[in-house]
PDB file of all heavy atoms in Angstrom:
ATOM      1  N   LEU A   1      12.586  18.428  -4.084  1.00  0.00           N
ATOM      2  CA  LEU A   1      11.433  19.139  -4.624  1.00  0.00           C
ATOM      3  C   LEU A   1      10.164  18.373  -4.291  1.00  0.00           C
ATOM      4  O   LEU A   1      10.139  17.155  -4.331  1.00  0.00           O
ATOM      5  CB  LEU A   1      11.554  19.270  -6.148  1.00  0.00           C
ATOM      6  CG  LEU A   1      12.754  20.063  -6.664  1.00  0.00           C
ATOM      7  CD1 LEU A   1      12.796  20.020  -8.180  1.00  0.00           C
ATOM      8  CD2 LEU A   1      12.708  21.485  -6.189  1.00  0.00           C
ATOM      9  N   ASP A   2       9.099  19.104  -3.967  1.00  0.00           N
ATOM     10  CA  ASP A   2       7.826  18.423  -3.753  1.00  0.00           C
ATOM     11  C   ASP A   2       7.163  18.193  -5.105  1.00  0.00           C
ATOM     12  O   ASP A   2       7.673  18.613  -6.148  1.00  0.00           O
ATOM     13  CB  ASP A   2       6.927  19.189  -2.782  1.00  0.00           C
ATOM     14  CG  ASP A   2       6.489  20.557  -3.307  1.00  0.00           C
ATOM     15  OD1 ASP A   2       6.339  20.708  -4.537  1.00  0.00           O
ATOM     16  OD2 ASP A   2       6.279  21.463  -2.492  1.00  0.00           O
ATOM     17  N   ASP A   3       6.019  17.513  -5.101  1.00  0.00           N
ATOM     18  CA  ASP A   3       5.365  17.150  -6.361  1.00  0.00           C
ATOM     19  C   ASP A   3       5.050  18.351  -7.232  1.00  0.00           C
ATOM     20  O   ASP A   3       5.094  18.273  -8.443  1.00  0.00           O
ATOM     21  CB  ASP A   3       4.087  16.356  -6.091  1.00  0.00           C
ATOM     22  CG  ASP A   3       4.387  14.959  -5.584  1.00  0.00           C
ATOM     23  OD1 ASP A   3       5.505  14.478  -5.847  1.00  0.00           O
ATOM     24  OD2 ASP A   3       3.508  14.357  -4.932  1.00  0.00           O
ATOM     25  N   GLY A   4       4.759  19.494  -6.630  1.00  0.00           N
ATOM     26  CA  GLY A   4       4.433  20.678  -7.403  1.00  0.00           C
ATOM     27  C   GLY A   4       5.642  21.352  -8.016  1.00  0.00           C
ATOM     28  O   GLY A   4       5.515  22.188  -8.880  1.00  0.00           O
ATOM     29  N   GLN A   5       6.837  20.989  -7.556  1.00  0.00           N
ATOM     30  CA  GLN A   5       8.043  21.639  -8.042  1.00  0.00           C
ATOM     31  C   GLN A   5       8.852  20.762  -8.973  1.00  0.00           C
ATOM     32  O   GLN A   5       9.746  21.248  -9.630  1.00  0.00           O
ATOM     33  CB  GLN A   5       8.931  22.024  -6.854  1.00  0.00           C
ATOM     34  CG  GLN A   5       8.306  23.023  -5.925  1.00  0.00           C
ATOM     35  CD  GLN A   5       9.151  23.217  -4.684  1.00  0.00           C
ATOM     36  OE1 GLN A   5       9.719  22.273  -4.165  1.00  0.00           O
ATOM     37  NE2 GLN A   5       9.217  24.433  -4.207  1.00  0.00           N
ATOM     38  N   ARG A   6       8.594  19.481  -8.990  1.00  0.00           N
ATOM     39  CA  ARG A   6       9.422  18.562  -9.782  1.00  0.00           C
ATOM     40  C   ARG A   6       9.358  18.922 -11.249  1.00  0.00           C
ATOM     41  O   ARG A   6       8.347  19.374 -11.751  1.00  0.00           O
ATOM     42  CB  ARG A   6       8.932  17.124  -9.607  1.00  0.00           C
ATOM     43  CG  ARG A   6       9.352  16.599  -8.283  1.00  0.00           C
ATOM     44  CD  ARG A   6       9.348  15.083  -8.274  1.00  0.00           C
ATOM     45  NE  ARG A   6       9.934  14.680  -7.018  1.00  0.00           N
ATOM     46  CZ  ARG A   6       9.248  14.190  -6.009  1.00  0.00           C
ATOM     47  NH1 ARG A   6       7.973  14.002  -6.116  1.00  0.00           N
ATOM     48  NH2 ARG A   6       9.849  13.875  -4.901  1.00  0.00           N
ATOM     49  N   GLY A   7      10.467  18.640 -11.905  1.00  0.00           N
ATOM     50  CA  GLY A   7      10.522  18.864 -13.340  1.00  0.00           C
ATOM     51  C   GLY A   7       9.712  17.812 -14.063  1.00  0.00           C
ATOM     52  O   GLY A   7       8.842  17.170 -13.495  1.00  0.00           O
ATOM     53  N   GLY A   8      10.025  17.587 -15.286  1.00  0.00           N
ATOM     54  CA  GLY A   8       9.261  16.649 -16.077  1.00  0.00           C
ATOM     55  C   GLY A   8       9.836  15.256 -16.047  1.00  0.00           C
ATOM     56  O   GLY A   8      10.364  14.789 -15.043  1.00  0.00           O
ATOM     57  N   SER A   9       9.752  14.628 -17.173  1.00  0.00           N
ATOM     58  CA  SER A   9      10.123  13.220 -17.280  1.00  0.00           C
ATOM     59  C   SER A   9      11.598  12.976 -16.993  1.00  0.00           C
ATOM     60  O   SER A   9      11.954  11.910 -16.503  1.00  0.00           O
ATOM     61  CB  SER A   9       9.769  12.707 -18.669  1.00  0.00           C
ATOM     62  OG  SER A   9      10.465  13.457 -19.645  1.00  0.00           O
ATOM     63  N   ALA A  10      12.459  13.938 -17.240  1.00  0.00           N
ATOM     64  CA  ALA A  10      13.886  13.734 -16.981  1.00  0.00           C
ATOM     65  C   ALA A  10      14.134  13.535 -15.487  1.00  0.00           C
ATOM     66  O   ALA A  10      14.902  12.666 -15.096  1.00  0.00           O
ATOM     67  CB  ALA A  10      14.702  14.920 -17.495  1.00  0.00           C
ATOM     68  N   PHE A  11      13.462  14.316 -14.650  1.00  0.00           N
ATOM     69  CA  PHE A  11      13.619  14.168 -13.205  1.00  0.00           C
ATOM     70  C   PHE A  11      13.096  12.815 -12.751  1.00  0.00           C
ATOM     71  O   PHE A  11      13.748  12.114 -11.980  1.00  0.00           O
ATOM     72  CB  PHE A  11      12.878  15.284 -12.461  1.00  0.00           C
ATOM     73  CG  PHE A  11      12.976  15.147 -10.967  1.00  0.00           C
ATOM     74  CD1 PHE A  11      14.052  15.681 -10.289  1.00  0.00           C
ATOM     75  CD2 PHE A  11      12.008  14.470 -10.250  1.00  0.00           C
ATOM     76  CE1 PHE A  11      14.164  15.543  -8.923  1.00  0.00           C
ATOM     77  CE2 PHE A  11      12.104  14.330  -8.888  1.00  0.00           C
ATOM     78  CZ  PHE A  11      13.186  14.866  -8.220  1.00  0.00           C
ATOM     79  N   ILE A  12      11.926  12.448 -13.220  1.00  0.00           N
ATOM     80  CA  ILE A  12      11.317  11.174 -12.830  1.00  0.00           C
ATOM     81  C   ILE A  12      12.196  10.015 -13.269  1.00  0.00           C
ATOM     82  O   ILE A  12      12.431   9.068 -12.518  1.00  0.00           O
ATOM     83  CB  ILE A  12       9.892  11.060 -13.411  1.00  0.00           C
ATOM     84  CG1 ILE A  12       8.996  12.107 -12.738  1.00  0.00           C
ATOM     85  CG2 ILE A  12       9.322   9.661 -13.220  1.00  0.00           C
ATOM     86  CD1 ILE A  12       7.670  12.324 -13.405  1.00  0.00           C
ATOM     87  N   SER A  13      12.726  10.088 -14.472  1.00  0.00           N
ATOM     88  CA  SER A  13      13.600   9.046 -14.992  1.00  0.00           C
ATOM     89  C   SER A  13      14.860   8.921 -14.135  1.00  0.00           C
ATOM     90  O   SER A  13      15.278   7.813 -13.782  1.00  0.00           O
ATOM     91  CB  SER A  13      13.974   9.361 -16.438  1.00  0.00           C
ATOM     92  OG  SER A  13      14.907   8.440 -16.921  1.00  0.00           O
ATOM     93  N   LEU A  14      15.453  10.041 -13.786  1.00  0.00           N
ATOM     94  CA  LEU A  14      16.659  10.030 -12.963  1.00  0.00           C
ATOM     95  C   LEU A  14      16.362   9.480 -11.570  1.00  0.00           C
ATOM     96  O   LEU A  14      17.117   8.661 -11.041  1.00  0.00           O
ATOM     97  CB  LEU A  14      17.243  11.434 -12.865  1.00  0.00           C
ATOM     98  CG  LEU A  14      18.537  11.576 -12.071  1.00  0.00           C
ATOM     99  CD1 LEU A  14      19.644  10.722 -12.676  1.00  0.00           C
ATOM    100  CD2 LEU A  14      18.956  13.026 -12.020  1.00  0.00           C
ATOM    101  N   ALA A  15      15.251   9.901 -10.972  1.00  0.00           N
ATOM    102  CA  ALA A  15      14.882   9.415  -9.640  1.00  0.00           C
ATOM    103  C   ALA A  15      14.648   7.909  -9.657  1.00  0.00           C
ATOM    104  O   ALA A  15      15.060   7.194  -8.737  1.00  0.00           O
ATOM    105  CB  ALA A  15      13.636  10.146  -9.144  1.00  0.00           C
ATOM    106  N   THR A  16      14.031   7.407 -10.710  1.00  0.00           N
ATOM    107  CA  THR A  16      13.786   5.970 -10.844  1.00  0.00           C
ATOM    108  C   THR A  16      15.102   5.215 -10.965  1.00  0.00           C
ATOM    109  O   THR A  16      15.298   4.169 -10.341  1.00  0.00           O
ATOM    110  CB  THR A  16      12.894   5.696 -12.077  1.00  0.00           C
ATOM    111  OG1 THR A  16      11.674   6.421 -11.921  1.00  0.00           O
ATOM    112  CG2 THR A  16      12.601   4.221 -12.237  1.00  0.00           C
ATOM    113  N   GLU A  17      16.016   5.749 -11.756  1.00  0.00           N
ATOM    114  CA  GLU A  17      17.317   5.114 -11.940  1.00  0.00           C
ATOM    115  C   GLU A  17      18.116   5.082 -10.637  1.00  0.00           C
ATOM    116  O   GLU A  17      18.729   4.070 -10.299  1.00  0.00           O
ATOM    117  CB  GLU A  17      18.099   5.850 -13.028  1.00  0.00           C
ATOM    118  CG  GLU A  17      19.352   5.139 -13.462  1.00  0.00           C
ATOM    119  CD  GLU A  17      20.013   5.792 -14.662  1.00  0.00           C
ATOM    120  OE1 GLU A  17      19.326   6.442 -15.452  1.00  0.00           O
ATOM    121  OE2 GLU A  17      21.239   5.636 -14.788  1.00  0.00           O
ATOM    122  N   VAL A  18      18.086   6.174  -9.890  1.00  0.00           N
ATOM    123  CA  VAL A  18      18.795   6.226  -8.603  1.00  0.00           C
ATOM    124  C   VAL A  18      18.192   5.219  -7.627  1.00  0.00           C
ATOM    125  O   VAL A  18      18.918   4.515  -6.913  1.00  0.00           O
ATOM    126  CB  VAL A  18      18.781   7.655  -8.022  1.00  0.00           C
ATOM    127  CG1 VAL A  18      19.235   7.677  -6.576  1.00  0.00           C
ATOM    128  CG2 VAL A  18      19.651   8.584  -8.865  1.00  0.00           C
ATOM    129  N   ALA A  19      16.868   5.114  -7.594  1.00  0.00           N
ATOM    130  CA  ALA A  19      16.216   4.145  -6.709  1.00  0.00           C
ATOM    131  C   ALA A  19      16.623   2.718  -7.069  1.00  0.00           C
ATOM    132  O   ALA A  19      16.885   1.888  -6.184  1.00  0.00           O
ATOM    133  CB  ALA A  19      14.701   4.302  -6.787  1.00  0.00           C
ATOM    134  N   ALA A  20      16.704   2.425  -8.357  1.00  0.00           N
ATOM    135  CA  ALA A  20      17.129   1.089  -8.797  1.00  0.00           C
ATOM    136  C   ALA A  20      18.574   0.819  -8.383  1.00  0.00           C
ATOM    137  O   ALA A  20      18.912  -0.297  -7.961  1.00  0.00           O
ATOM    138  CB  ALA A  20      16.969   0.955 -10.309  1.00  0.00           C
ATOM    139  N   MET A  21      19.430   1.829  -8.478  1.00  0.00           N
ATOM    140  CA  MET A  21      20.825   1.664  -8.073  1.00  0.00           C
ATOM    141  C   MET A  21      20.922   1.401  -6.570  1.00  0.00           C
ATOM    142  O   MET A  21      21.703   0.553  -6.132  1.00  0.00           O
ATOM    143  CB  MET A  21      21.638   2.903  -8.467  1.00  0.00           C
ATOM    144  CG  MET A  21      21.822   3.033  -9.975  1.00  0.00           C
ATOM    145  SD  MET A  21      22.438   4.626 -10.534  1.00  0.00           S
ATOM    146  CE  MET A  21      23.995   4.736  -9.713  1.00  0.00           C
ATOM    147  N   HIS A  22      20.116   2.101  -5.788  1.00  0.00           N
ATOM    148  CA  HIS A  22      20.112   1.878  -4.338  1.00  0.00           C
ATOM    149  C   HIS A  22      19.683   0.447  -4.019  1.00  0.00           C
ATOM    150  O   HIS A  22      20.271  -0.204  -3.140  1.00  0.00           O
ATOM    151  CB  HIS A  22      19.185   2.876  -3.642  1.00  0.00           C
ATOM    152  CG  HIS A  22      19.806   4.216  -3.416  1.00  0.00           C
ATOM    153  ND1 HIS A  22      20.691   4.455  -2.403  1.00  0.00           N
ATOM    154  CD2 HIS A  22      19.677   5.388  -4.079  1.00  0.00           C
ATOM    155  CE1 HIS A  22      21.080   5.718  -2.453  1.00  0.00           C
ATOM    156  NE2 HIS A  22      20.485   6.298  -3.463  1.00  0.00           N
ATOM    157  N   GLU A  23      18.687  -0.056  -4.714  1.00  0.00           N
ATOM    158  CA  GLU A  23      18.218  -1.427  -4.484  1.00  0.00           C
ATOM    159  C   GLU A  23      19.304  -2.431  -4.862  1.00  0.00           C
ATOM    160  O   GLU A  23      19.540  -3.403  -4.141  1.00  0.00           O
ATOM    161  CB  GLU A  23      16.939  -1.695  -5.293  1.00  0.00           C
ATOM    162  CG  GLU A  23      16.398  -3.103  -5.169  1.00  0.00           C
ATOM    163  CD  GLU A  23      16.044  -3.515  -3.739  1.00  0.00           C
ATOM    164  OE1 GLU A  23      15.855  -2.648  -2.871  1.00  0.00           O
ATOM    165  OE2 GLU A  23      15.974  -4.741  -3.495  1.00  0.00           O
ATOM    166  N   THR A  24      19.990  -2.215  -5.957  1.00  0.00           N
ATOM    167  CA  THR A  24      21.085  -3.108  -6.363  1.00  0.00           C
ATOM    168  C   THR A  24      22.199  -3.103  -5.320  1.00  0.00           C
ATOM    169  O   THR A  24      22.727  -4.160  -4.955  1.00  0.00           O
ATOM    170  CB  THR A  24      21.640  -2.680  -7.741  1.00  0.00           C
ATOM    171  OG1 THR A  24      20.585  -2.748  -8.705  1.00  0.00           O
ATOM    172  CG2 THR A  24      22.788  -3.576  -8.182  1.00  0.00           C
ATOM    173  N   ILE A  25      22.537  -1.938  -4.821  1.00  0.00           N
ATOM    174  CA  ILE A  25      23.573  -1.840  -3.783  1.00  0.00           C
ATOM    175  C   ILE A  25      23.133  -2.589  -2.526  1.00  0.00           C
ATOM    176  O   ILE A  25      23.926  -3.301  -1.899  1.00  0.00           O
ATOM    177  CB  ILE A  25      23.903  -0.364  -3.481  1.00  0.00           C
ATOM    178  CG1 ILE A  25      24.629   0.263  -4.681  1.00  0.00           C
ATOM    179  CG2 ILE A  25      24.734  -0.228  -2.198  1.00  0.00           C
ATOM    180  CD1 ILE A  25      24.760   1.758  -4.623  1.00  0.00           C
ATOM    181  N   ARG A  26      21.870  -2.447  -2.143  1.00  0.00           N
ATOM    182  CA  ARG A  26      21.360  -3.153  -0.968  1.00  0.00           C
ATOM    183  C   ARG A  26      21.466  -4.659  -1.159  1.00  0.00           C
ATOM    184  O   ARG A  26      21.913  -5.386  -0.268  1.00  0.00           O
ATOM    185  CB  ARG A  26      19.908  -2.765  -0.680  1.00  0.00           C
ATOM    186  CG  ARG A  26      19.365  -3.336   0.637  1.00  0.00           C
ATOM    187  CD  ARG A  26      17.863  -3.249   0.726  1.00  0.00           C
ATOM    188  NE  ARG A  26      17.164  -3.994  -0.305  1.00  0.00           N
ATOM    189  CZ  ARG A  26      17.068  -5.328  -0.356  1.00  0.00           C
ATOM    190  NH1 ARG A  26      17.635  -6.069   0.558  1.00  0.00           N
ATOM    191  NH2 ARG A  26      16.403  -5.922  -1.325  1.00  0.00           N
ATOM    192  N   GLN A  27      21.084  -5.147  -2.343  1.00  0.00           N
ATOM    193  CA  GLN A  27      21.165  -6.582  -2.628  1.00  0.00           C
ATOM    194  C   GLN A  27      22.615  -7.065  -2.587  1.00  0.00           C
ATOM    195  O   GLN A  27      22.902  -8.142  -2.051  1.00  0.00           O
ATOM    196  CB  GLN A  27      20.537  -6.895  -3.984  1.00  0.00           C
ATOM    197  CG  GLN A  27      19.038  -6.735  -4.000  1.00  0.00           C
ATOM    198  CD  GLN A  27      18.457  -6.863  -5.408  1.00  0.00           C
ATOM    199  OE1 GLN A  27      19.180  -7.001  -6.385  1.00  0.00           O
ATOM    200  NE2 GLN A  27      17.134  -6.818  -5.505  1.00  0.00           N
ATOM    201  N   LEU A  28      23.525  -6.300  -3.146  1.00  0.00           N
ATOM    202  CA  LEU A  28      24.942  -6.676  -3.125  1.00  0.00           C
ATOM    203  C   LEU A  28      25.486  -6.686  -1.694  1.00  0.00           C
ATOM    204  O   LEU A  28      26.276  -7.570  -1.332  1.00  0.00           O
ATOM    205  CB  LEU A  28      25.761  -5.725  -4.002  1.00  0.00           C
ATOM    206  CG  LEU A  28      25.544  -5.882  -5.509  1.00  0.00           C
ATOM    207  CD1 LEU A  28      26.221  -4.734  -6.260  1.00  0.00           C
ATOM    208  CD2 LEU A  28      26.048  -7.219  -6.000  1.00  0.00           C
ATOM    209  N   ALA A  29      25.066  -5.750  -0.886  1.00  0.00           N
ATOM    210  CA  ALA A  29      25.504  -5.718   0.510  1.00  0.00           C
ATOM    211  C   ALA A  29      25.006  -6.956   1.255  1.00  0.00           C
ATOM    212  O   ALA A  29      25.745  -7.556   2.043  1.00  0.00           O
ATOM    213  CB  ALA A  29      25.010  -4.444   1.192  1.00  0.00           C
ATOM    214  N   ASP A  30      23.763  -7.363   0.985  1.00  0.00           N
ATOM    215  CA  ASP A  30      23.222  -8.587   1.604  1.00  0.00           C
ATOM    216  C   ASP A  30      24.028  -9.811   1.183  1.00  0.00           C
ATOM    217  O   ASP A  30      24.363 -10.665   2.017  1.00  0.00           O
ATOM    218  CB  ASP A  30      21.750  -8.783   1.222  1.00  0.00           C
ATOM    219  CG  ASP A  30      20.814  -7.776   1.878  1.00  0.00           C
ATOM    220  OD1 ASP A  30      21.250  -7.084   2.832  1.00  0.00           O
ATOM    221  OD2 ASP A  30      19.657  -7.679   1.420  1.00  0.00           O
ATOM    222  N   ARG A  31      24.338  -9.896  -0.092  1.00  0.00           N
ATOM    223  CA  ARG A  31      25.117 -11.045  -0.589  1.00  0.00           C
ATOM    224  C   ARG A  31      26.511 -11.073   0.026  1.00  0.00           C
ATOM    225  O   ARG A  31      27.001 -12.127   0.431  1.00  0.00           O
ATOM    226  CB  ARG A  31      25.217 -10.999  -2.117  1.00  0.00           C
ATOM    227  CG  ARG A  31      23.876 -11.287  -2.803  1.00  0.00           C
ATOM    228  CD  ARG A  31      23.942 -11.084  -4.282  1.00  0.00           C
ATOM    229  NE  ARG A  31      24.794 -12.088  -4.917  1.00  0.00           N
ATOM    230  CZ  ARG A  31      25.081 -12.095  -6.201  1.00  0.00           C
ATOM    231  NH1 ARG A  31      24.598 -11.163  -6.996  1.00  0.00           N
ATOM    232  NH2 ARG A  31      25.853 -13.022  -6.698  1.00  0.00           N
TER     233      ARG A  31
END
């Protein structure tokens, strides 16, 4: 969804959580 279509805080919260999980996976892969 583009910025005009995104839902509210639940979508933003979920997107933030997924981004954090991706970063953790990247760090674990490096280690």
